[in-house]
C-alpha cells in the first residue's frame, strides 16, 4: 500500500498535478517490484478509501490459482491472519521489492 505524505488528502483528484504524477510513477515502480518478488499473474491497484479516508493505494498481487480468482479478494472468503513468521517473511519481501522497484529505469 502506498500512502502519499500529504495530510487531508482523500482522493487522487485532491493531489497537485506533480504529486499525482509522482504517486502513479511510484505505484508503477512498486508494482513491478512486488510482481517480481511474488511472481504474480496479475497486479490489482486500487485507491479504495471508504473506511479509511486518507488517500492510500492498494497493490495486490493476484494468482490465477487463488480462491477468489478472478473476482475481487474482499468479501469472498474469510480473512486468514498471518503467523508472526509469515508476516515477517512478507514484510521482508515487500521491503526488498520496494528497493528493487526504485532501481527500475526503463518504462
Protein backbone atom coordinates (compact mmCIF):
# COMPACT_ATOMS: atom_id res chain seq x y z
CA UNK A 1 0.00 0.00 0.00
CA UNK A 2 1.27 3.47 -0.85
CA UNK A 3 0.18 6.43 1.28
CA UNK A 4 1.10 9.88 -0.05
CA UNK A 5 2.69 12.02 2.64
CA UNK A 6 0.06 14.72 2.24
CA UNK A 7 -2.38 15.47 5.05
CA UNK A 8 -6.08 15.83 4.41
CA UNK A 9 -6.00 14.14 1.02
CA UNK A 10 -8.77 11.61 0.42
CA UNK A 11 -8.79 11.21 -3.37
CA UNK A 12 -6.24 11.27 -6.18
CA UNK A 13 -8.11 14.28 -7.56
CA UNK A 14 -7.04 16.24 -4.45
CA UNK A 15 -3.37 15.96 -5.41
CA UNK A 16 -1.46 18.58 -7.34
CA UNK A 17 -0.51 17.60 -10.87
CA UNK A 18 3.08 16.96 -9.75
CA UNK A 19 2.02 14.84 -6.75
CA UNK A 20 -0.44 12.89 -8.89
CA UNK A 21 2.24 12.08 -11.43
CA UNK A 22 4.68 11.08 -8.68
CA UNK A 23 2.12 8.81 -6.98
CA UNK A 24 1.45 6.85 -10.16
CA UNK A 25 5.14 6.69 -11.08
CA UNK A 26 5.93 5.29 -7.62
CA UNK A 27 2.95 2.93 -7.89
CA UNK A 28 4.28 1.58 -11.17
CA UNK A 29 7.76 1.03 -9.76
CA UNK A 30 6.45 -0.60 -6.59
CA UNK A 31 4.10 -2.78 -8.64
CA UNK A 32 6.97 -4.02 -10.78
CA UNK A 33 8.96 -4.84 -7.68
CA UNK A 34 6.22 -6.83 -5.93
CA UNK A 35 5.20 -8.65 -9.11
CA UNK A 36 8.79 -9.82 -9.46
CA UNK A 37 9.15 -10.65 -5.76
CA UNK A 38 5.89 -12.60 -5.54
CA UNK A 39 5.80 -13.94 -9.15
CA UNK A 40 2.17 -12.94 -9.62
CA UNK A 41 -0.14 -13.42 -12.58
CA UNK A 42 -1.89 -10.04 -12.26
CA UNK A 43 -1.45 -6.88 -10.24
CA UNK A 44 -4.57 -5.15 -8.91
CA UNK A 45 -4.11 -1.50 -7.97
CA UNK A 46 -6.94 0.44 -6.35
CA UNK A 47 -7.44 3.61 -4.34
CA UNK A 48 -10.28 2.44 -2.11
CA UNK A 49 -10.86 4.67 0.88
CA UNK A 50 -14.44 4.35 2.05
CA UNK A 51 -13.46 3.20 5.56
CA UNK A 52 -10.07 4.92 5.89
CA UNK A 53 -10.43 8.34 4.27
CA UNK A 54 -6.69 9.20 3.98
CA UNK A 55 -5.68 8.54 0.37
CA UNK A 56 -3.93 5.19 0.09
CA UNK A 57 -3.39 2.91 -2.88
CA UNK A 58 -3.63 -0.87 -2.53
CA UNK A 59 -1.31 -3.10 -4.55
CA UNK A 60 -2.48 -6.70 -4.60
CA UNK A 61 -0.53 -9.46 -6.31
CA UNK A 62 -3.03 -11.97 -7.69
CA UNK A 63 -2.67 -15.53 -8.88
CA UNK A 64 -4.96 -17.48 -11.20
CA UNK A 65 -4.90 -20.20 -8.54
CA UNK A 66 -6.12 -18.00 -5.66
CA UNK A 67 -9.54 -18.99 -4.24
CA UNK A 68 -11.23 -15.72 -5.23
CA UNK A 69 -9.89 -15.57 -8.82
CA UNK A 70 -11.00 -13.77 -10.94
CA UNK A 71 -13.27 -11.87 -8.53
CA UNK A 72 -12.06 -9.20 -6.08
CA UNK A 73 -10.40 -10.56 -2.96
CA UNK A 74 -12.62 -8.71 -0.50
CA UNK A 75 -15.68 -10.48 0.85
CA UNK A 76 -15.13 -13.77 -0.97
CA UNK A 77 -13.53 -15.80 1.78
CA UNK A 78 -12.83 -15.26 5.48
CA UNK A 79 -9.58 -13.46 6.21
CA UNK A 80 -6.73 -15.68 7.32
CA UNK A 81 -4.26 -13.93 9.61
CA UNK A 82 -0.56 -14.36 9.06
CA UNK A 83 1.58 -16.06 11.65
CA UNK A 84 4.30 -13.82 13.08
CA UNK A 85 6.88 -15.64 10.96
CA UNK A 86 4.72 -15.45 7.85
CA UNK A 87 4.15 -11.73 8.32
CA UNK A 88 7.88 -11.13 8.83
CA UNK A 89 8.65 -13.02 5.60
CA UNK A 90 6.11 -11.00 3.61
CA UNK A 91 7.38 -7.71 5.06
CA UNK A 92 10.94 -8.64 4.11
CA UNK A 93 9.88 -9.44 0.53
CA UNK A 94 7.93 -6.19 0.25
CA UNK A 95 10.85 -4.12 1.57
CA UNK A 96 13.20 -5.76 -0.92
CA UNK A 97 10.64 -5.31 -3.71
CA UNK A 98 10.26 -1.61 -2.89
CA UNK A 99 14.01 -1.13 -3.02
CA UNK A 100 14.29 -3.17 -6.23
CA UNK A 101 11.42 -1.20 -7.78
CA UNK A 102 13.32 2.03 -7.26
CA UNK A 103 16.15 0.68 -9.38
CA UNK A 104 13.97 0.30 -12.50
CA UNK A 105 14.81 2.99 -15.03
CA UNK A 106 13.18 1.74 -18.22
CA UNK A 107 9.46 2.31 -18.91
